[in-house]
Amino acid sequence: MIAITGVTAAVLGLTLHFSAYMAESIRAAIVGIDRSQTEAALSIGMIQSQLMRRIILPQATRVATPTLMNYFIDMIKATSLAFTLGVTELMGATQKEAAGSFLYLEAFLLVALIYWAIVEVLSWGQRRLEIYLNKAYQR
């Protein structure tokens, strides 16, 4: 029998959970591209790989980026659940430290600020990426 550590179980669980949502988001972005784009590319002699690389995927990337970034941010926040599997991550280390010093408010406030800062940096990056991807659609 294969022994699975807490870290392996946490990574596997988060990967399986979020990959399903991300795959559906990418699929929806690709399907959402107008059929006339495909027909036009095929009519000028593009093969399927050229069609995907040059026409479909650039447009689908613009559509899927906000959703994928939101799932990525949610995944960062969901890592705190890994403590239930015995993995000492940021929230688990804080709980252990607070139990020793009885400074629960200060410890958890600091962790909340750290999570908030990480989310803000990722949200800023998401906004910058969306601005970059939307340049072609602005007048």
Protein backbone atom coordinates (compact mmCIF):
# COMPACT_ATOMS: atom_id res chain seq x y z
CA MET A 1 0.00 0.00 0.00
CA ILE A 2 1.24 3.50 -0.83
CA ALA A 3 1.57 5.91 2.08
CA ILE A 4 0.30 9.40 1.26
CA THR A 5 1.61 12.29 3.31
CA GLY A 6 -0.52 15.24 4.34
CA VAL A 7 1.18 17.52 1.82
CA THR A 8 0.55 15.06 -1.01
CA ALA A 9 -3.08 14.67 -0.01
CA ALA A 10 -3.55 18.45 0.22
CA VAL A 11 -1.96 19.08 -3.17
CA LEU A 12 -3.91 16.24 -4.76
CA GLY A 13 -7.19 17.36 -3.23
CA LEU A 14 -6.78 21.00 -4.21
CA THR A 15 -5.61 20.02 -7.69
CA LEU A 16 -8.58 17.74 -8.33
CA HIS A 17 -11.05 20.22 -6.91
CA PHE A 18 -9.88 23.30 -8.80
CA SER A 19 -8.81 21.59 -12.03
CA ALA A 20 -12.40 20.59 -12.74
CA TYR A 21 -13.59 24.19 -12.42
CA MET A 22 -10.66 25.56 -14.41
CA ALA A 23 -11.14 23.03 -17.21
CA GLU A 24 -14.81 23.96 -17.48
CA SER A 25 -13.88 27.65 -17.58
CA ILE A 26 -11.40 27.06 -20.41
CA ARG A 27 -13.87 24.87 -22.29
CA ALA A 28 -16.58 27.53 -22.01
CA ALA A 29 -14.19 30.23 -23.23
CA ILE A 30 -13.25 28.17 -26.29
CA VAL A 31 -16.85 27.22 -27.08
CA GLY A 32 -17.86 30.87 -26.62
CA ILE A 33 -15.84 31.99 -29.62
CA ASP A 34 -18.16 32.68 -32.54
CA ARG A 35 -18.36 29.87 -35.09
CA SER A 36 -17.78 32.39 -37.90
CA GLN A 37 -14.18 32.80 -36.67
CA THR A 38 -13.56 29.11 -37.28
CA GLU A 39 -15.28 29.15 -40.65
CA ALA A 40 -13.29 32.18 -41.81
CA ALA A 41 -9.97 30.62 -40.76
CA LEU A 42 -10.81 27.31 -42.45
CA SER A 43 -11.91 29.12 -45.61
CA ILE A 44 -8.46 30.68 -46.05
CA GLY A 45 -6.77 27.30 -45.66
CA MET A 46 -5.67 27.23 -42.01
CA ILE A 47 -5.25 23.82 -40.45
CA GLN A 48 -6.79 23.01 -37.06
CA SER A 49 -3.61 23.70 -35.07
CA GLN A 50 -3.16 27.09 -36.76
CA LEU A 51 -6.79 27.91 -36.11
CA MET A 52 -6.46 27.16 -32.41
CA ARG A 53 -3.09 28.89 -31.97
CA ARG A 54 -3.79 32.04 -33.99
CA ILE A 55 -7.55 32.62 -33.74
CA ILE A 56 -9.34 30.71 -30.99
CA LEU A 57 -6.88 30.61 -28.09
CA PRO A 58 -5.98 34.33 -28.08
CA GLN A 59 -9.66 35.23 -27.89
CA ALA A 60 -10.44 32.49 -25.36
CA THR A 61 -7.53 33.61 -23.16
CA ARG A 62 -9.05 37.06 -22.86
CA VAL A 63 -12.40 35.56 -21.83
CA ALA A 64 -11.05 32.90 -19.44
CA THR A 65 -8.41 34.98 -17.64
CA PRO A 66 -10.66 36.60 -14.99
CA THR A 67 -12.25 33.29 -14.04
CA LEU A 68 -8.95 31.41 -13.91
CA MET A 69 -7.31 34.11 -11.79
CA ASN A 70 -10.26 34.06 -9.39
CA TYR A 71 -9.93 30.29 -9.03
CA PHE A 72 -6.19 30.69 -8.43
CA ILE A 73 -6.85 33.26 -5.68
CA ASP A 74 -9.47 30.95 -4.19
CA MET A 75 -6.94 28.10 -4.25
CA ILE A 76 -4.44 30.23 -2.30
CA LYS A 77 -7.08 30.87 0.34
CA ALA A 78 -8.12 27.20 0.39
CA THR A 79 -4.62 26.11 1.39
CA SER A 80 -5.61 26.90 4.97
CA LEU A 81 -7.73 23.72 4.85
CA ALA A 82 -4.53 21.68 4.58
CA PHE A 83 -4.11 22.02 8.34
CA THR A 84 -6.91 19.47 8.77
CA LEU A 85 -4.62 16.92 7.06
CA GLY A 86 -1.75 17.59 9.43
CA VAL A 87 0.12 19.99 7.16
CA THR A 88 1.55 22.95 9.01
CA GLU A 89 0.84 25.86 6.70
CA LEU A 90 0.42 29.55 7.51
CA MET A 91 -2.85 29.26 9.43
CA GLY A 92 -1.75 26.11 11.28
CA ALA A 93 1.56 27.68 12.30
CA THR A 94 -0.33 30.73 13.53
CA GLN A 95 -2.67 28.61 15.60
CA LYS A 96 0.25 26.78 17.20
CA GLU A 97 2.07 30.04 17.92
CA ALA A 98 -1.04 31.69 19.34
CA ALA A 99 -1.69 28.71 21.62
CA GLY A 100 1.75 29.15 23.17
CA SER A 101 1.54 32.90 23.69
CA PHE A 102 -2.24 33.38 24.13
CA LEU A 103 -2.11 36.25 21.62
CA TYR A 104 -4.84 34.91 19.36
CA LEU A 105 -6.18 38.24 18.15
CA GLU A 106 -2.78 39.58 17.16
CA ALA A 107 -1.68 36.34 15.50
CA PHE A 108 -4.82 35.84 13.44
CA LEU A 109 -4.99 39.52 12.55
CA LEU A 110 -1.46 39.29 11.17
CA VAL A 111 -2.35 36.20 9.14
CA ALA A 112 -5.47 37.92 7.83
CA LEU A 113 -3.32 40.85 6.73
CA ILE A 114 -0.86 38.49 5.01
CA TYR A 115 -3.67 36.71 3.13
CA TRP A 116 -5.20 40.09 2.26
CA ALA A 117 -1.85 41.35 0.90
CA ILE A 118 -1.37 38.21 -1.22
CA VAL A 119 -4.89 38.51 -2.64
CA GLU A 120 -4.43 42.22 -3.36
CA VAL A 121 -1.17 41.60 -5.22
CA LEU A 122 -2.78 38.84 -7.29
CA SER A 123 -5.84 41.01 -7.95
CA TRP A 124 -3.59 43.85 -9.11
CA GLY A 125 -1.80 41.44 -11.43
CA GLN A 126 -5.14 40.22 -12.74
CA ARG A 127 -6.28 43.78 -13.50
CA ARG A 128 -3.01 44.53 -15.32
CA LEU A 129 -3.30 41.32 -17.34
CA GLU A 130 -6.90 42.12 -18.29
CA ILE A 131 -5.92 45.63 -19.41
CA TYR A 132 -3.14 44.14 -21.54
CA LEU A 133 -5.43 41.52 -23.09
CA ASN A 134 -8.18 44.07 -23.79
CA LYS A 135 -5.95 46.53 -25.65
CA ALA A 136 -6.95 45.13 -29.03
CA TYR A 137 -10.64 45.70 -28.23
CA GLN A 138 -10.36 49.35 -27.20
CA ARG A 139 -10.87 52.22 -29.60
